[in-house]
């Protein structure tokens, strides 16, 4: 399947921006697919099939076919949890390093 030039951003999602790409099959009888990816991370959110010959599709329809705004909200929560975990780990590592440096200063003074 070769990607078609149609690529739109779906601002209909209040949670994440999605890029929607129409993937056409070389075989005219085969179903084409719509690939919906997260604009920020590039993670594939869904890839629903569409009927052969349907070359235009509404972004609202694509969002509905991949699970609606519920799926986009759950993905936003998952990405948010991962980001919070990264930040927490980074802050924890930084505080651990500062505590070690502080202890070294105390030991040198005594």
PDB file of N, CA and C in Angstrom:
ATOM      1  N   UNK A   1       0.832  -1.177   0.000  1.00  0.00           N
ATOM      2  CA  UNK A   1       0.000   0.000   0.000  1.00  0.00           C
ATOM      3  C   UNK A   1       0.875   1.238   0.000  1.00  0.00           C
ATOM      4  N   UNK A   2       0.608   2.132  -0.894  1.00  0.00           N
ATOM      5  CA  UNK A   2       1.348   3.381  -0.964  1.00  0.00           C
ATOM      6  C   UNK A   2       0.520   4.493  -0.331  1.00  0.00           C
ATOM      7  N   UNK A   3       1.153   5.364   0.443  1.00  0.00           N
ATOM      8  CA  UNK A   3       0.381   6.439   1.049  1.00  0.00           C
ATOM      9  C   UNK A   3      -0.083   7.446   0.006  1.00  0.00           C
ATOM     10  N   UNK A   4      -1.307   7.874   0.149  1.00  0.00           N
ATOM     11  CA  UNK A   4      -1.864   8.881  -0.736  1.00  0.00           C
ATOM     12  C   UNK A   4      -1.429  10.259  -0.243  1.00  0.00           C
ATOM     13  N   UNK A   5      -1.466  11.240  -1.096  1.00  0.00           N
ATOM     14  CA  UNK A   5      -1.004  12.564  -0.678  1.00  0.00           C
ATOM     15  C   UNK A   5      -1.915  13.263   0.328  1.00  0.00           C
ATOM     16  N   UNK A   6      -3.129  12.737   0.549  1.00  0.00           N
ATOM     17  CA  UNK A   6      -4.037  13.386   1.488  1.00  0.00           C
ATOM     18  C   UNK A   6      -3.516  13.227   2.908  1.00  0.00           C
ATOM     19  N   UNK A   7      -3.266  14.328   3.558  1.00  0.00           N
ATOM     20  CA  UNK A   7      -2.795  14.306   4.949  1.00  0.00           C
ATOM     21  C   UNK A   7      -3.374  15.528   5.639  1.00  0.00           C
ATOM     22  N   UNK A   8      -4.185  15.319   6.635  1.00  0.00           N
ATOM     23  CA  UNK A   8      -4.828  16.435   7.329  1.00  0.00           C
ATOM     24  C   UNK A   8      -4.616  16.288   8.824  1.00  0.00           C
ATOM     25  N   UNK A   9      -4.697  17.399   9.499  1.00  0.00           N
ATOM     26  CA  UNK A   9      -4.670  17.379  10.953  1.00  0.00           C
ATOM     27  C   UNK A   9      -6.109  17.398  11.431  1.00  0.00           C
ATOM     28  N   UNK A  10      -6.394  16.635  12.451  1.00  0.00           N
ATOM     29  CA  UNK A  10      -7.768  16.535  12.948  1.00  0.00           C
ATOM     30  C   UNK A  10      -7.910  17.339  14.233  1.00  0.00           C
ATOM     31  N   UNK A  11      -8.302  18.601  14.128  1.00  0.00           N
ATOM     32  CA  UNK A  11      -8.474  19.400  15.345  1.00  0.00           C
ATOM     33  C   UNK A  11      -9.752  19.057  16.090  1.00  0.00           C
ATOM     34  N   UNK A  12     -10.517  18.104  15.585  1.00  0.00           N
ATOM     35  CA  UNK A  12     -11.768  17.714  16.233  1.00  0.00           C
ATOM     36  C   UNK A  12     -11.503  17.036  17.564  1.00  0.00           C
ATOM     37  N   UNK A  13     -10.307  16.568  17.752  1.00  0.00           N
ATOM     38  CA  UNK A  13      -9.963  15.897  18.998  1.00  0.00           C
ATOM     39  C   UNK A  13      -9.572  16.941  20.034  1.00  0.00           C
ATOM     40  N   UNK A  14     -10.272  16.982  21.154  1.00  0.00           N
ATOM     41  CA  UNK A  14      -9.896  17.941  22.190  1.00  0.00           C
ATOM     42  C   UNK A  14      -8.684  17.488  23.001  1.00  0.00           C
ATOM     43  N   UNK A  15      -8.209  16.268  22.761  1.00  0.00           N
ATOM     44  CA  UNK A  15      -7.150  15.705  23.583  1.00  0.00           C
ATOM     45  C   UNK A  15      -5.800  15.677  22.874  1.00  0.00           C
ATOM     46  N   UNK A  16      -5.750  15.179  21.674  1.00  0.00           N
ATOM     47  CA  UNK A  16      -4.503  15.044  20.923  1.00  0.00           C
ATOM     48  C   UNK A  16      -4.746  15.480  19.488  1.00  0.00           C
ATOM     49  N   UNK A  17      -3.719  16.005  18.839  1.00  0.00           N
ATOM     50  CA  UNK A  17      -3.794  16.282  17.413  1.00  0.00           C
ATOM     51  C   UNK A  17      -3.432  15.009  16.675  1.00  0.00           C
ATOM     52  N   UNK A  18      -4.226  14.683  15.665  1.00  0.00           N
ATOM     53  CA  UNK A  18      -4.020  13.462  14.897  1.00  0.00           C
ATOM     54  C   UNK A  18      -3.710  13.815  13.452  1.00  0.00           C
ATOM     55  N   UNK A  19      -2.799  13.059  12.863  1.00  0.00           N
ATOM     56  CA  UNK A  19      -2.560  13.127  11.426  1.00  0.00           C
ATOM     57  C   UNK A  19      -3.281  11.955  10.800  1.00  0.00           C
ATOM     58  N   UNK A  20      -4.054  12.240   9.758  1.00  0.00           N
ATOM     59  CA  UNK A  20      -4.829  11.207   9.082  1.00  0.00           C
ATOM     60  C   UNK A  20      -4.308  11.074   7.661  1.00  0.00           C
ATOM     61  N   UNK A  21      -3.901   9.871   7.308  1.00  0.00           N
ATOM     62  CA  UNK A  21      -3.353   9.596   5.983  1.00  0.00           C
ATOM     63  C   UNK A  21      -4.161   8.486   5.333  1.00  0.00           C
ATOM     64  N   UNK A  22      -4.515   8.676   4.090  1.00  0.00           N
ATOM     65  CA  UNK A  22      -5.243   7.664   3.334  1.00  0.00           C
ATOM     66  C   UNK A  22      -4.231   6.755   2.652  1.00  0.00           C
ATOM     67  N   UNK A  23      -4.289   5.458   2.946  1.00  0.00           N
ATOM     68  CA  UNK A  23      -3.396   4.472   2.336  1.00  0.00           C
ATOM     69  C   UNK A  23      -4.196   3.711   1.286  1.00  0.00           C
ATOM     70  N   UNK A  24      -3.839   3.894   0.041  1.00  0.00           N
ATOM     71  CA  UNK A  24      -4.537   3.218  -1.045  1.00  0.00           C
ATOM     72  C   UNK A  24      -3.820   1.921  -1.395  1.00  0.00           C
ATOM     73  N   UNK A  25      -4.600   0.927  -1.755  1.00  0.00           N
ATOM     74  CA  UNK A  25      -4.050  -0.354  -2.161  1.00  0.00           C
ATOM     75  C   UNK A  25      -3.790  -0.324  -3.669  1.00  0.00           C
ATOM     76  N   UNK A  26      -2.790  -1.078  -4.116  1.00  0.00           N
ATOM     77  CA  UNK A  26      -2.523  -1.186  -5.554  1.00  0.00           C
ATOM     78  C   UNK A  26      -3.645  -1.947  -6.254  1.00  0.00           C
ATOM     79  N   UNK A  27      -4.251  -2.874  -5.540  1.00  0.00           N
ATOM     80  CA  UNK A  27      -5.362  -3.650  -6.066  1.00  0.00           C
ATOM     81  C   UNK A  27      -6.653  -2.864  -5.862  1.00  0.00           C
ATOM     82  N   UNK A  28      -7.386  -2.594  -6.924  1.00  0.00           N
ATOM     83  CA  UNK A  28      -8.602  -1.786  -6.844  1.00  0.00           C
ATOM     84  C   UNK A  28      -9.714  -2.474  -6.057  1.00  0.00           C
ATOM     85  N   UNK A  29      -9.717  -3.800  -6.005  1.00  0.00           N
ATOM     86  CA  UNK A  29     -10.762  -4.529  -5.296  1.00  0.00           C
ATOM     87  C   UNK A  29     -10.488  -4.599  -3.795  1.00  0.00           C
ATOM     88  N   UNK A  30      -9.256  -4.388  -3.408  1.00  0.00           N
ATOM     89  CA  UNK A  30      -8.902  -4.478  -1.989  1.00  0.00           C
ATOM     90  C   UNK A  30      -9.334  -3.211  -1.251  1.00  0.00           C
ATOM     91  N   UNK A  31      -9.559  -3.389   0.039  1.00  0.00           N
ATOM     92  CA  UNK A  31      -9.955  -2.252   0.853  1.00  0.00           C
ATOM     93  C   UNK A  31      -8.779  -1.330   1.111  1.00  0.00           C
ATOM     94  N   UNK A  32      -9.059  -0.053   1.049  1.00  0.00           N
ATOM     95  CA  UNK A  32      -8.048   0.934   1.431  1.00  0.00           C
ATOM     96  C   UNK A  32      -8.112   1.104   2.948  1.00  0.00           C
ATOM     97  N   UNK A  33      -7.090   1.706   3.530  1.00  0.00           N
ATOM     98  CA  UNK A  33      -7.055   1.926   4.976  1.00  0.00           C
ATOM     99  C   UNK A  33      -6.764   3.391   5.242  1.00  0.00           C
ATOM    100  N   UNK A  34      -7.208   3.820   6.385  1.00  0.00           N
ATOM    101  CA  UNK A  34      -6.895   5.158   6.855  1.00  0.00           C
ATOM    102  C   UNK A  34      -5.990   4.994   8.057  1.00  0.00           C
ATOM    103  N   UNK A  35      -4.855   5.667   8.041  1.00  0.00           N
ATOM    104  CA  UNK A  35      -3.893   5.573   9.133  1.00  0.00           C
ATOM    105  C   UNK A  35      -3.991   6.843   9.963  1.00  0.00           C
ATOM    106  N   UNK A  36      -4.303   6.685  11.236  1.00  0.00           N
ATOM    107  CA  UNK A  36      -4.423   7.813  12.154  1.00  0.00           C
ATOM    108  C   UNK A  36      -3.264   7.735  13.139  1.00  0.00           C
ATOM    109  N   UNK A  37      -2.405   8.761  13.135  1.00  0.00           N
ATOM    110  CA  UNK A  37      -1.247   8.784  14.019  1.00  0.00           C
ATOM    111  C   UNK A  37      -1.291  10.021  14.900  1.00  0.00           C
ATOM    112  N   UNK A  38      -0.657   9.934  16.052  1.00  0.00           N
ATOM    113  CA  UNK A  38      -0.529  11.070  16.943  1.00  0.00           C
ATOM    114  C   UNK A  38       0.470  12.045  16.331  1.00  0.00           C
ATOM    115  N   UNK A  39       0.091  13.310  16.240  1.00  0.00           N
ATOM    116  CA  UNK A  39       0.942  14.292  15.570  1.00  0.00           C
ATOM    117  C   UNK A  39       2.243  14.536  16.325  1.00  0.00           C
ATOM    118  N   UNK A  40       2.205  14.537  17.640  1.00  0.00           N
ATOM    119  CA  UNK A  40       3.396  14.849  18.421  1.00  0.00           C
ATOM    120  C   UNK A  40       4.397  13.698  18.470  1.00  0.00           C
ATOM    121  N   UNK A  41       3.911  12.483  18.686  1.00  0.00           N
ATOM    122  CA  UNK A  41       4.825  11.353  18.885  1.00  0.00           C
ATOM    123  C   UNK A  41       4.944  10.431  17.684  1.00  0.00           C
ATOM    124  N   UNK A  42       3.972  10.464  16.767  1.00  0.00           N
ATOM    125  CA  UNK A  42       3.991   9.575  15.620  1.00  0.00           C
ATOM    126  C   UNK A  42       3.457   8.184  15.897  1.00  0.00           C
ATOM    127  N   UNK A  43       2.929   7.965  17.091  1.00  0.00           N
ATOM    128  CA  UNK A  43       2.383   6.658  17.466  1.00  0.00           C
ATOM    129  C   UNK A  43       1.089   6.418  16.691  1.00  0.00           C
ATOM    130  N   UNK A  44       0.944   5.210  16.157  1.00  0.00           N
ATOM    131  CA  UNK A  44      -0.266   4.863  15.414  1.00  0.00           C
ATOM    132  C   UNK A  44      -1.409   4.663  16.399  1.00  0.00           C
ATOM    133  N   UNK A  45      -2.482   5.417  16.205  1.00  0.00           N
ATOM    134  CA  UNK A  45      -3.656   5.330  17.064  1.00  0.00           C
ATOM    135  C   UNK A  45      -4.621   4.290  16.529  1.00  0.00           C
ATOM    136  N   UNK A  46      -4.774   4.247  15.220  1.00  0.00           N
ATOM    137  CA  UNK A  46      -5.670   3.277  14.617  1.00  0.00           C
ATOM    138  C   UNK A  46      -5.523   3.265  13.114  1.00  0.00           C
ATOM    139  N   UNK A  47      -6.002   2.205  12.499  1.00  0.00           N
ATOM    140  CA  UNK A  47      -5.933   2.054  11.053  1.00  0.00           C
ATOM    141  C   UNK A  47      -7.172   1.326  10.556  1.00  0.00           C
ATOM    142  N   UNK A  48      -8.320   2.004  10.526  1.00  0.00           N
ATOM    143  CA  UNK A  48      -9.550   1.339  10.097  1.00  0.00           C
ATOM    144  C   UNK A  48      -9.619   1.187   8.575  1.00  0.00           C
ATOM    145  N   UNK A  49     -10.232   0.115   8.100  1.00  0.00           N
ATOM    146  CA  UNK A  49     -10.416  -0.050   6.647  1.00  0.00           C
ATOM    147  C   UNK A  49     -11.585   0.806   6.164  1.00  0.00           C
ATOM    148  N   UNK A  50     -11.494   1.213   4.906  1.00  0.00           N
ATOM    149  CA  UNK A  50     -12.607   1.924   4.278  1.00  0.00           C
ATOM    150  C   UNK A  50     -12.969   1.185   2.998  1.00  0.00           C
ATOM    151  N   UNK A  51     -14.148   1.450   2.493  1.00  0.00           N
ATOM    152  CA  UNK A  51     -14.611   0.728   1.314  1.00  0.00           C
ATOM    153  C   UNK A  51     -13.782   1.107   0.086  1.00  0.00           C
ATOM    154  N   UNK A  52     -13.633   0.166  -0.862  1.00  0.00           N
ATOM    155  CA  UNK A  52     -12.858   0.447  -2.073  1.00  0.00           C
ATOM    156  C   UNK A  52     -13.483   1.596  -2.851  1.00  0.00           C
ATOM    157  N   UNK A  53     -12.649   2.450  -3.372  1.00  0.00           N
ATOM    158  CA  UNK A  53     -13.117   3.561  -4.190  1.00  0.00           C
ATOM    159  C   UNK A  53     -13.457   4.808  -3.401  1.00  0.00           C
ATOM    160  N   UNK A  54     -13.478   4.735  -2.081  1.00  0.00           N
ATOM    161  CA  UNK A  54     -13.777   5.903  -1.263  1.00  0.00           C
ATOM    162  C   UNK A  54     -12.466   6.646  -1.022  1.00  0.00           C
ATOM    163  N   UNK A  55     -12.268   7.717  -1.770  1.00  0.00           N
ATOM    164  CA  UNK A  55     -10.996   8.431  -1.709  1.00  0.00           C
ATOM    165  C   UNK A  55     -11.045   9.653  -0.806  1.00  0.00           C
ATOM    166  N   UNK A  56     -12.213  10.026  -0.345  1.00  0.00           N
ATOM    167  CA  UNK A  56     -12.292  11.143   0.592  1.00  0.00           C
ATOM    168  C   UNK A  56     -13.014  10.665   1.848  1.00  0.00           C
ATOM    169  N   UNK A  57     -12.551  11.148   2.959  1.00  0.00           N
ATOM    170  CA  UNK A  57     -13.135  10.733   4.225  1.00  0.00           C
ATOM    171  C   UNK A  57     -13.093  11.904   5.193  1.00  0.00           C
ATOM    172  N   UNK A  58     -14.110  12.000   6.005  1.00  0.00           N
ATOM    173  CA  UNK A  58     -14.241  13.066   6.978  1.00  0.00           C
ATOM    174  C   UNK A  58     -13.415  12.713   8.222  1.00  0.00           C
ATOM    175  N   UNK A  59     -12.625  13.650   8.779  1.00  0.00           N
ATOM    176  CA  UNK A  59     -11.845  13.340   9.987  1.00  0.00           C
ATOM    177  C   UNK A  59     -12.715  12.903  11.165  1.00  0.00           C
ATOM    178  N   UNK A  60     -13.920  13.457  11.291  1.00  0.00           N
ATOM    179  CA  UNK A  60     -14.818  13.028  12.365  1.00  0.00           C
ATOM    180  C   UNK A  60     -15.168  11.547  12.223  1.00  0.00           C
ATOM    181  N   UNK A  61     -15.342  11.112  10.982  1.00  0.00           N
ATOM    182  CA  UNK A  61     -15.672   9.710  10.723  1.00  0.00           C
ATOM    183  C   UNK A  61     -14.500   8.794  11.085  1.00  0.00           C
ATOM    184  N   UNK A  62     -13.284   9.240  10.786  1.00  0.00           N
ATOM    185  CA  UNK A  62     -12.103   8.445  11.126  1.00  0.00           C
ATOM    186  C   UNK A  62     -11.977   8.312  12.643  1.00  0.00           C
ATOM    187  N   UNK A  63     -12.165   9.405  13.358  1.00  0.00           N
ATOM    188  CA  UNK A  63     -12.082   9.365  14.816  1.00  0.00           C
ATOM    189  C   UNK A  63     -13.146   8.436  15.380  1.00  0.00           C
ATOM    190  N   UNK A  64     -14.337   8.461  14.804  1.00  0.00           N
ATOM    191  CA  UNK A  64     -15.401   7.567  15.245  1.00  0.00           C
ATOM    192  C   UNK A  64     -15.017   6.115  14.984  1.00  0.00           C
ATOM    193  N   UNK A  65     -14.390   5.819  13.816  1.00  0.00           N
ATOM    194  CA  UNK A  65     -14.043   4.444  13.464  1.00  0.00           C
ATOM    195  C   UNK A  65     -12.920   3.875  14.331  1.00  0.00           C
ATOM    196  N   UNK A  66     -12.054   4.729  14.877  1.00  0.00           N
ATOM    197  CA  UNK A  66     -10.962   4.206  15.715  1.00  0.00           C
ATOM    198  C   UNK A  66     -11.343   4.113  17.183  1.00  0.00           C
ATOM    199  N   UNK A  67     -12.531   4.539  17.532  1.00  0.00           N
ATOM    200  CA  UNK A  67     -12.968   4.416  18.921  1.00  0.00           C
ATOM    201  C   UNK A  67     -13.487   5.709  19.514  1.00  0.00           C
ATOM    202  N   UNK A  68     -13.519   6.749  18.740  1.00  0.00           N
ATOM    203  CA  UNK A  68     -14.075   8.008  19.201  1.00  0.00           C
ATOM    204  C   UNK A  68     -13.151   8.766  20.133  1.00  0.00           C
ATOM    205  N   UNK A  69     -13.720   9.792  20.732  1.00  0.00           N
ATOM    206  CA  UNK A  69     -12.916  10.630  21.617  1.00  0.00           C
ATOM    207  C   UNK A  69     -12.518   9.890  22.887  1.00  0.00           C
ATOM    208  N   UNK A  70     -13.241   8.813  23.227  1.00  0.00           N
ATOM    209  CA  UNK A  70     -12.843   8.005  24.388  1.00  0.00           C
ATOM    210  C   UNK A  70     -11.445   7.429  24.177  1.00  0.00           C
ATOM    211  N   UNK A  71     -11.190   6.896  22.994  1.00  0.00           N
ATOM    212  CA  UNK A  71      -9.869   6.325  22.701  1.00  0.00           C
ATOM    213  C   UNK A  71      -8.798   7.409  22.712  1.00  0.00           C
ATOM    214  N   UNK A  72      -9.118   8.567  22.151  1.00  0.00           N
ATOM    215  CA  UNK A  72      -8.143   9.656  22.144  1.00  0.00           C
ATOM    216  C   UNK A  72      -7.869  10.148  23.563  1.00  0.00           C
ATOM    217  N   UNK A  73      -8.905  10.170  24.399  1.00  0.00           N
ATOM    218  CA  UNK A  73      -8.718  10.584  25.791  1.00  0.00           C
ATOM    219  C   UNK A  73      -7.855   9.575  26.544  1.00  0.00           C
ATOM    220  N   UNK A  74      -8.084   8.295  26.306  1.00  0.00           N
ATOM    221  CA  UNK A  74      -7.283   7.277  26.998  1.00  0.00           C
ATOM    222  C   UNK A  74      -5.830   7.336  26.547  1.00  0.00           C
ATOM    223  N   UNK A  75      -5.593   7.637  25.284  1.00  0.00           N
ATOM    224  CA  UNK A  75      -4.224   7.776  24.788  1.00  0.00           C
ATOM    225  C   UNK A  75      -3.570   9.006  25.404  1.00  0.00           C
ATOM    226  N   UNK A  76      -4.323  10.095  25.535  1.00  0.00           N
ATOM    227  CA  UNK A  76      -3.794  11.308  26.163  1.00  0.00           C
ATOM    228  C   UNK A  76      -3.420  11.033  27.620  1.00  0.00           C
ATOM    229  N   UNK A  77      -4.240  10.253  28.327  1.00  0.00           N
ATOM    230  CA  UNK A  77      -3.934   9.900  29.717  1.00  0.00           C
ATOM    231  C   UNK A  77      -2.671   9.037  29.778  1.00  0.00           C
ATOM    232  N   UNK A  78      -2.552   8.093  28.858  1.00  0.00           N
ATOM    233  CA  UNK A  78      -1.365   7.227  28.829  1.00  0.00           C
ATOM    234  C   UNK A  78      -0.098   8.035  28.559  1.00  0.00           C
ATOM    235  N   UNK A  79      -0.149   8.938  27.570  1.00  0.00           N
ATOM    236  CA  UNK A  79       1.018   9.777  27.278  1.00  0.00           C
ATOM    237  C   UNK A  79       1.335  10.692  28.455  1.00  0.00           C
ATOM    238  N   UNK A  80       0.293  11.218  29.111  1.00  0.00           N
ATOM    239  CA  UNK A  80       0.499  12.077  30.269  1.00  0.00           C
ATOM    240  C   UNK A  80       1.143  11.330  31.421  1.00  0.00           C
ATOM    241  N   UNK A  81       0.715  10.089  31.643  1.00  0.00           N
ATOM    242  CA  UNK A  81       1.309   9.274  32.703  1.00  0.00           C
ATOM    243  C   UNK A  81       2.774   8.968  32.408  1.00  0.00           C
ATOM    244  N   UNK A  82       3.092   8.680  31.168  1.00  0.00           N
ATOM    245  CA  UNK A  82       4.490   8.414  30.791  1.00  0.00           C
ATOM    246  C   UNK A  82       5.341   9.665  30.973  1.00  0.00           C
ATOM    247  N   UNK A  83       4.805  10.827  30.592  1.00  0.00           N
ATOM    248  CA  UNK A  83       5.538  12.078  30.755  1.00  0.00           C
ATOM    249  C   UNK A  83       5.757  12.387  32.237  1.00  0.00           C
ATOM    250  N   UNK A  84       4.730  12.167  33.055  1.00  0.00           N
ATOM    251  CA  UNK A  84       4.863  12.389  34.493  1.00  0.00           C
ATOM    252  C   UNK A  84       5.909  11.451  35.086  1.00  0.00           C
ATOM    253  N   UNK A  85       5.933  10.199  34.635  1.00  0.00           N
ATOM    254  CA  UNK A  85       6.930   9.248  35.117  1.00  0.00           C
ATOM    255  C   UNK A  85       8.348   9.702  34.752  1.00  0.00           C
ATOM    256  N   UNK A  86       8.527  10.190  33.515  1.00  0.00           N
ATOM    257  CA  UNK A  86       9.850  10.679  33.100  1.00  0.00           C
ATOM    258  C   UNK A  86      10.278  11.872  33.945  1.00  0.00           C
ATOM    259  N   UNK A  87       9.365  12.810  34.157  1.00  0.00           N
ATOM    260  CA  UNK A  87       9.703  13.994  34.951  1.00  0.00           C
ATOM    261  C   UNK A  87      10.018  13.615  36.395  1.00  0.00           C
ATOM    262  N   UNK A  88       9.231  12.727  36.970  1.00  0.00           N
ATOM    263  CA  UNK A  88       9.455  12.305  38.344  1.00  0.00           C
ATOM    264  C   UNK A  88      10.806  11.627  38.478  1.00  0.00           C
ATOM    265  N   UNK A  89      11.140  10.765  37.516  1.00  0.00           N
ATOM    266  CA  UNK A  89      12.433  10.076  37.542  1.00  0.00           C
ATOM    267  C   UNK A  89      13.581  11.074  37.414  1.00  0.00           C
ATOM    268  N   UNK A  90      13.422  12.050  36.528  1.00  0.00           N
ATOM    269  CA  UNK A  90      14.479  13.053  36.325  1.00  0.00           C
ATOM    270  C   UNK A  90      14.676  13.888  37.592  1.00  0.00           C
ATOM    271  N   UNK A  91      13.590  14.333  38.208  1.00  0.00           N
ATOM    272  CA  UNK A  91      13.686  15.132  39.430  1.00  0.00           C
ATOM    273  C   UNK A  91      14.280  14.301  40.564  1.00  0.00           C
ATOM    274  N   UNK A  92      13.866  13.057  40.672  1.00  0.00           N
ATOM    275  CA  UNK A  92      14.395  12.176  41.708  1.00  0.00           C
ATOM    276  C   UNK A  92      15.897  11.978  41.536  1.00  0.00           C
ATOM    277  N   UNK A  93      16.336  11.752  40.303  1.00  0.00           N
ATOM    278  CA  UNK A  93      17.769  11.579  40.047  1.00  0.00           C
ATOM    279  C   UNK A  93      18.542  12.858  40.377  1.00  0.00           C
ATOM    280  N   UNK A  94      17.973  14.000  40.027  1.00  0.00           N
ATOM    281  CA  UNK A  94      18.634  15.268  40.296  1.00  0.00           C
ATOM    282  C   UNK A  94      18.735  15.521  41.808  1.00  0.00           C
ATOM    283  N   UNK A  95      17.666  15.242  42.540  1.00  0.00           N
ATOM    284  CA  UNK A  95      17.701  15.425  43.989  1.00  0.00           C
ATOM    285  C   UNK A  95      18.664  14.451  44.654  1.00  0.00           C
ATOM    286  N   UNK A  96      18.732  13.234  44.158  1.00  0.00           N
ATOM    287  CA  UNK A  96      19.669  12.251  44.694  1.00  0.00           C
ATOM    288  C   UNK A  96      21.110  12.724  44.495  1.00  0.00           C
ATOM    289  N   UNK A  97      21.395  13.287  43.328  1.00  0.00           N
ATOM    290  CA  UNK A  97      22.730  13.802  43.046  1.00  0.00           C
ATOM    291  C   UNK A  97      23.054  14.984  43.960  1.00  0.00           C
ATOM    292  N   UNK A  98      22.107  15.888  44.141  1.00  0.00           N
ATOM    293  CA  UNK A  98      22.328  17.028  45.036  1.00  0.00           C
ATOM    294  C   UNK A  98      22.574  16.569  46.472  1.00  0.00           C
ATOM    295  N   UNK A  99      21.834  15.572  46.925  1.00  0.00           N
ATOM    296  CA  UNK A  99      21.996  15.064  48.287  1.00  0.00           C
ATOM    297  C   UNK A  99      23.394  14.472  48.448  1.00  0.00           C
ATOM    298  N   UNK A 100      23.880  13.757  47.442  1.00  0.00           N
ATOM    299  CA  UNK A 100      25.232  13.192  47.515  1.00  0.00           C
ATOM    300  C   UNK A 100      26.283  14.293  47.582  1.00  0.00           C
ATOM    301  N   UNK A 101      26.091  15.338  46.758  1.00  0.00           N
ATOM    302  CA  UNK A 101      27.049  16.441  46.776  1.00  0.00           C
ATOM    303  C   UNK A 101      27.016  17.161  48.117  1.00  0.00           C
ATOM    304  N   UNK A 102      25.833  17.314  48.689  1.00  0.00           N
ATOM    305  CA  UNK A 102      25.702  17.968  49.983  1.00  0.00           C
ATOM    306  C   UNK A 102      26.401  17.162  51.071  1.00  0.00           C
ATOM    307  N   UNK A 103      26.242  15.839  51.046  1.00  0.00           N
ATOM    308  CA  UNK A 103      26.901  14.980  52.028  1.00  0.00           C
ATOM    309  C   UNK A 103      28.416  15.057  51.897  1.00  0.00           C
ATOM    310  N   UNK A 104      28.913  15.160  50.679  1.00  0.00           N
ATOM    311  CA  UNK A 104      30.364  15.267  50.477  1.00  0.00           C
ATOM    312  C   UNK A 104      30.890  16.563  51.072  1.00  0.00           C
ATOM    313  N   UNK A 105      30.129  17.645  50.920  1.00  0.00           N
ATOM    314  CA  UNK A 105      30.556  18.927  51.491  1.00  0.00           C
ATOM    315  C   UNK A 105      30.601  18.851  53.009  1.00  0.00           C
ATOM    316  N   UNK A 106      29.623  18.201  53.611  1.00  0.00           N
ATOM    317  CA  UNK A 106      29.577  18.068  55.062  1.00  0.00           C
ATOM    318  C   UNK A 106      30.780  17.252  55.557  1.00  0.00           C
ATOM    319  N   UNK A 107      31.098  16.173  54.875  1.00  0.00           N
ATOM    320  CA  UNK A 107      32.224  15.312  55.267  1.00  0.00           C
ATOM    321  C   UNK A 107      33.559  16.052  55.141  1.00  0.00           C
ATOM    322  N   UNK A 108      33.704  16.888  54.114  1.00  0.00           N
ATOM    323  CA  UNK A 108      34.963  17.610  53.907  1.00  0.00           C
ATOM    324  C   UNK A 108      35.171  18.660  55.007  1.00  0.00           C
ATOM    325  N   UNK A 109      34.096  19.236  55.502  1.00  0.00           N
ATOM    326  CA  UNK A 109      34.203  20.277  56.545  1.00  0.00           C
ATOM    327  C   UNK A 109      34.604  19.687  57.896  1.00  0.00           C
ATOM    328  N   UNK A 110      34.228  18.452  58.133  1.00  0.00           N
ATOM    329  CA  UNK A 110      34.539  17.865  59.445  1.00  0.00           C
ATOM    330  C   UNK A 110      35.855  17.143  59.474  1.00  0.00           C
TER     331      UNK A 110
END
